[in-house]
Amino acid sequence: METPEHHIFVCASFRADGDPKGVCHRKGSVNLLPYIENEILDRGLDAQITSTGCMKACDHGPVMVIQPKGLWYGNVESEDSVDEILDALEEDEVVAERRIG
């Protein structure tokens, strides 16, 4: 198995008991997962997407992290914000106004 060039993590706010209680989940992060997956495929990005438990960055939710670049993005609430981040990833740039951390 080849590992992807990028691994995109999207906070789904799940807690250890499986309950989705956090900000990211309430703001629709899980609903963006199919869109992100389709964009990865449509753009031909060598990337994988994973939903995660709470990333402890609720003040910035929904949160998306791109590894291995170590880029943490906040307020990823719409398809437009996803497009902005994926456009930057393709250009090897950073969306400074969404970056957290």
Protein backbone atom coordinates (compact mmCIF):
# COMPACT_ATOMS: atom_id res chain seq x y z
CA MET A 1 0.00 0.00 0.00
CA GLU A 2 1.29 3.43 -0.92
CA THR A 3 0.75 6.22 1.53
CA PRO A 4 -0.87 9.44 0.28
CA GLU A 5 1.10 12.65 -0.09
CA HIS A 6 -1.44 14.48 2.08
CA HIS A 7 -3.71 13.34 4.87
CA ILE A 8 -6.64 15.64 5.61
CA PHE A 9 -8.24 15.37 9.03
CA VAL A 10 -11.66 16.88 9.70
CA CYS A 11 -12.84 17.26 13.28
CA ALA A 12 -16.15 15.47 13.82
CA SER A 13 -16.19 16.27 17.56
CA PHE A 14 -16.65 12.67 18.66
CA ARG A 15 -15.81 11.99 22.29
CA ALA A 16 -14.40 8.77 23.75
CA ASP A 17 -17.92 7.42 24.31
CA GLY A 18 -18.80 8.09 20.65
CA ASP A 19 -21.04 11.09 21.29
CA PRO A 20 -20.71 13.95 18.78
CA LYS A 21 -21.05 16.90 21.17
CA GLY A 22 -18.63 19.57 20.02
CA VAL A 23 -18.68 22.72 17.96
CA CYS A 24 -17.34 21.18 14.75
CA HIS A 25 -20.11 18.60 14.59
CA ARG A 26 -22.81 21.18 15.41
CA LYS A 27 -21.47 23.43 12.63
CA GLY A 28 -21.73 20.66 10.02
CA SER A 29 -18.18 19.38 9.63
CA VAL A 30 -19.41 15.83 9.02
CA ASN A 31 -21.69 17.05 6.21
CA LEU A 32 -18.61 18.38 4.37
CA LEU A 33 -16.85 15.00 4.25
CA PRO A 34 -18.47 13.74 1.01
CA TYR A 35 -17.76 17.07 -0.68
CA ILE A 36 -14.10 16.98 0.38
CA GLU A 37 -13.75 13.38 -0.81
CA ASN A 38 -15.25 14.25 -4.21
CA GLU A 39 -13.01 17.30 -4.55
CA ILE A 40 -9.93 15.20 -3.76
CA LEU A 41 -10.92 12.80 -6.54
CA ASP A 42 -11.98 15.50 -9.04
CA ARG A 43 -8.76 17.42 -8.53
CA GLY A 44 -6.58 14.31 -8.70
CA LEU A 45 -5.01 15.09 -5.34
CA ASP A 46 -2.90 12.38 -3.74
CA ALA A 47 -4.75 12.73 -0.46
CA GLN A 48 -6.81 10.80 2.03
CA ILE A 49 -9.52 12.20 4.31
CA THR A 50 -10.28 11.06 7.84
CA SER A 51 -12.89 12.31 10.31
CA THR A 52 -11.58 12.56 13.84
CA GLY A 53 -12.56 12.89 17.42
CA CYS A 54 -12.42 16.29 19.08
CA MET A 55 -9.23 18.17 18.21
CA LYS A 56 -9.61 20.53 21.18
CA ALA A 57 -9.76 23.65 19.00
CA CYS A 58 -13.46 24.38 19.50
CA ASP A 59 -12.99 28.16 19.39
CA HIS A 60 -12.03 27.76 15.72
CA GLY A 61 -14.43 25.03 14.66
CA PRO A 62 -14.98 23.39 12.29
CA VAL A 63 -11.32 22.44 12.08
CA MET A 64 -9.38 20.82 9.24
CA VAL A 65 -5.75 19.69 9.52
CA ILE A 66 -3.50 18.86 6.58
CA GLN A 67 -0.53 16.59 7.21
CA PRO A 68 2.39 16.28 6.79
CA LYS A 69 2.35 20.06 6.33
CA GLY A 70 1.01 20.58 9.85
CA LEU A 71 -1.53 23.13 8.64
CA TRP A 72 -4.45 23.72 10.99
CA TYR A 73 -7.39 25.59 9.48
CA GLY A 74 -10.41 26.94 11.34
CA ASN A 75 -13.92 28.06 10.50
CA VAL A 76 -14.18 25.56 7.65
CA GLU A 77 -17.96 25.83 7.48
CA SER A 78 -18.77 25.68 3.77
CA GLU A 79 -17.83 24.20 0.43
CA ASP A 80 -16.34 27.59 -0.47
CA SER A 81 -13.94 27.43 2.49
CA VAL A 82 -12.99 23.85 1.53
CA ASP A 83 -12.33 24.98 -2.05
CA GLU A 84 -10.16 27.82 -0.81
CA ILE A 85 -8.05 25.41 1.26
CA LEU A 86 -7.77 22.76 -1.47
CA ASP A 87 -6.88 25.43 -4.06
CA ALA A 88 -4.05 26.55 -1.78
CA LEU A 89 -2.94 22.94 -1.25
CA GLU A 90 -2.71 22.45 -5.00
CA GLU A 91 -0.61 25.61 -5.33
CA ASP A 92 1.56 24.70 -2.31
CA GLU A 93 0.30 27.81 -0.53
CA VAL A 94 -1.35 28.56 2.79
CA VAL A 95 -4.69 30.28 3.47
CA ALA A 96 -3.34 32.65 6.10
CA GLU A 97 -6.73 34.04 7.17
CA ARG A 98 -8.02 30.56 8.06
CA ARG A 99 -4.83 29.25 9.66
CA ILE A 100 -4.85 28.57 13.38
CA GLY A 101 -2.10 27.58 15.78
